């Protein structure tokens, strides 16, 4: 089945302008055009676009995504290991980002609890002076980490 830019954008849940931008930046060399010059996307193009979106979401720049597409165009013999390394690097970077985000979320959860307590008391005084043992267990590690300067 073939899709126009608008149809494919709708399927992907992105603006059509994003697909036009990708094309302008050389990320869509595989997309065919109709006799009238209209971009026509296939189901295989959808798979490529999902990979492009994944790489973009993982933090790669347009230039780096273009380099990946160029690797793929070179063929299997000369680029499989290179492409695998790129995805392994992105996977590792995303895992690191996820861990950082888990730490950020834990701190946010602690601070929400902290301010809920302060609001109940009408002041931060009591909650600020709580010992580690007086803080709910799920927040202790965060509080310890906040106190750790080294």
Protein backbone atom coordinates (compact mmCIF):
# COMPACT_ATOMS: atom_id res chain seq x y z
CA UNK A 1 0.00 0.00 0.00
CA UNK A 2 1.20 3.53 -0.75
CA UNK A 3 0.72 6.61 1.40
CA UNK A 4 1.06 10.32 0.72
CA UNK A 5 3.06 12.54 3.07
CA UNK A 6 -0.12 13.51 4.90
CA UNK A 7 -1.33 9.94 5.24
CA UNK A 8 2.03 8.66 6.48
CA UNK A 9 2.34 11.57 8.90
CA UNK A 10 -1.07 10.70 10.31
CA UNK A 11 -0.09 7.03 10.71
CA UNK A 12 3.11 8.05 12.52
CA UNK A 13 1.42 10.74 14.59
CA UNK A 14 3.82 13.45 13.46
CA UNK A 15 3.36 16.63 11.40
CA UNK A 16 3.66 16.28 7.63
CA UNK A 17 6.26 19.06 7.80
CA UNK A 18 8.51 16.67 9.74
CA UNK A 19 8.50 14.20 6.85
CA UNK A 20 9.23 16.99 4.38
CA UNK A 21 12.10 18.15 6.60
CA UNK A 22 13.49 14.61 6.80
CA UNK A 23 13.38 14.42 3.01
CA UNK A 24 15.10 17.78 2.65
CA UNK A 25 17.82 16.63 5.07
CA UNK A 26 18.51 13.45 3.09
CA UNK A 27 16.92 10.99 5.51
CA UNK A 28 14.46 9.58 2.97
CA UNK A 29 16.49 8.54 -0.08
CA UNK A 30 14.42 5.36 -0.29
CA UNK A 31 11.05 7.13 -0.72
CA UNK A 32 9.71 6.98 -4.24
CA UNK A 33 7.85 9.74 -6.03
CA UNK A 34 4.86 9.55 -8.27
CA UNK A 35 5.07 10.72 -11.87
CA UNK A 36 3.83 14.09 -10.58
CA UNK A 37 6.70 14.31 -8.06
CA UNK A 38 4.59 13.49 -4.99
CA UNK A 39 6.35 11.48 -2.29
CA UNK A 40 4.77 8.06 -1.96
CA UNK A 41 5.53 6.02 1.17
CA UNK A 42 5.29 2.25 1.35
CA UNK A 43 4.93 -0.07 4.32
CA UNK A 44 8.70 -0.64 4.19
CA UNK A 45 9.21 3.13 4.38
CA UNK A 46 7.06 3.11 7.52
CA UNK A 47 9.56 0.73 9.14
CA UNK A 48 12.43 3.05 8.20
CA UNK A 49 10.57 6.05 9.56
CA UNK A 50 10.00 4.23 12.86
CA UNK A 51 13.76 3.58 13.07
CA UNK A 52 14.48 7.24 12.27
CA UNK A 53 12.06 8.35 15.00
CA UNK A 54 13.66 5.90 17.44
CA UNK A 55 17.13 7.25 16.70
CA UNK A 56 15.87 10.81 17.00
CA UNK A 57 14.19 10.07 20.33
CA UNK A 58 17.39 8.41 21.55
CA UNK A 59 19.25 11.66 21.06
CA UNK A 60 20.88 11.36 17.65
CA UNK A 61 21.13 14.47 15.53
CA UNK A 62 19.80 14.64 11.98
CA UNK A 63 23.40 14.51 10.76
CA UNK A 64 24.04 11.32 12.76
CA UNK A 65 20.82 9.73 11.50
CA UNK A 66 21.85 10.62 7.94
CA UNK A 67 25.18 8.84 8.58
CA UNK A 68 23.24 5.73 9.68
CA UNK A 69 21.15 5.82 6.51
CA UNK A 70 24.31 6.16 4.44
CA UNK A 71 25.73 3.10 6.27
CA UNK A 72 22.62 1.11 5.39
CA UNK A 73 22.86 2.20 1.76
CA UNK A 74 26.44 0.93 1.58
CA UNK A 75 25.11 -2.58 2.14
CA UNK A 76 25.56 -5.41 4.56
CA UNK A 77 29.19 -6.33 3.96
CA UNK A 78 30.57 -2.93 4.76
CA UNK A 79 28.24 -1.69 7.48
CA UNK A 80 26.47 -4.33 9.55
CA UNK A 81 28.96 -4.18 12.43
CA UNK A 82 28.98 -0.39 12.28
CA UNK A 83 25.19 -0.23 12.43
CA UNK A 84 25.09 -2.71 15.30
CA UNK A 85 27.62 -0.58 17.21
CA UNK A 86 25.49 2.51 16.65
CA UNK A 87 22.43 0.81 18.11
CA UNK A 88 24.42 -0.62 21.02
CA UNK A 89 25.72 2.87 21.81
CA UNK A 90 22.21 4.34 21.63
CA UNK A 91 20.86 1.54 23.82
CA UNK A 92 23.53 2.20 26.44
CA UNK A 93 22.93 5.95 26.30
CA UNK A 94 19.17 5.47 26.72
CA UNK A 95 19.71 3.12 29.67
CA UNK A 96 21.88 5.77 31.29
CA UNK A 97 19.26 8.46 30.61
CA UNK A 98 16.57 6.22 32.08
CA UNK A 99 18.60 5.73 35.26
CA UNK A 100 19.14 9.49 35.52
CA UNK A 101 15.41 10.03 35.02
CA UNK A 102 14.60 7.44 37.72
CA UNK A 103 16.84 9.39 40.10
CA UNK A 104 15.18 12.64 39.06
CA UNK A 105 11.74 11.13 39.62
CA UNK A 106 12.75 9.83 43.05
CA UNK A 107 13.91 13.31 44.08
CA UNK A 108 10.70 14.85 42.75
CA UNK A 109 8.63 12.29 44.68
CA UNK A 110 10.57 13.08 47.85
CA UNK A 111 10.10 16.82 47.40
CA UNK A 112 6.36 16.36 46.77
CA UNK A 113 6.11 14.42 50.03
CA UNK A 114 8.28 17.01 51.79
CA UNK A 115 6.09 19.93 50.71
CA UNK A 116 2.87 18.04 51.44
CA UNK A 117 4.14 17.63 55.00
CA UNK A 118 5.19 21.28 55.23
CA UNK A 119 1.80 22.43 53.96
CA UNK A 120 0.02 20.24 56.53
CA UNK A 121 2.20 21.77 59.26
CA UNK A 122 2.02 25.27 57.85
CA UNK A 123 5.84 25.44 57.89
CA UNK A 124 8.91 23.52 56.77
CA UNK A 125 10.37 23.57 60.26
CA UNK A 126 9.31 20.08 61.41
CA UNK A 127 9.84 18.27 58.14
CA UNK A 128 13.25 19.93 57.65
CA UNK A 129 14.39 18.70 61.06
CA UNK A 130 13.29 15.06 60.63
CA UNK A 131 16.02 12.49 61.12
CA UNK A 132 16.60 9.90 58.44
CA UNK A 133 14.73 7.30 60.53
CA UNK A 134 11.68 9.58 60.71
CA UNK A 135 11.43 9.96 56.94
CA UNK A 136 9.31 7.31 55.19
CA UNK A 137 11.47 4.45 53.98
CA UNK A 138 10.77 5.03 50.27
CA UNK A 139 12.39 8.50 50.52
CA UNK A 140 15.39 7.72 52.74
CA UNK A 141 17.79 6.85 49.94
CA UNK A 142 16.98 10.11 48.17
CA UNK A 143 17.48 12.11 51.37
CA UNK A 144 20.80 10.36 52.01
CA UNK A 145 21.93 11.08 48.48
CA UNK A 146 20.99 14.76 48.90
CA UNK A 147 23.14 14.92 52.03
CA UNK A 148 26.10 13.08 50.44
CA UNK A 149 28.62 15.59 49.19
CA UNK A 150 31.17 13.12 47.95
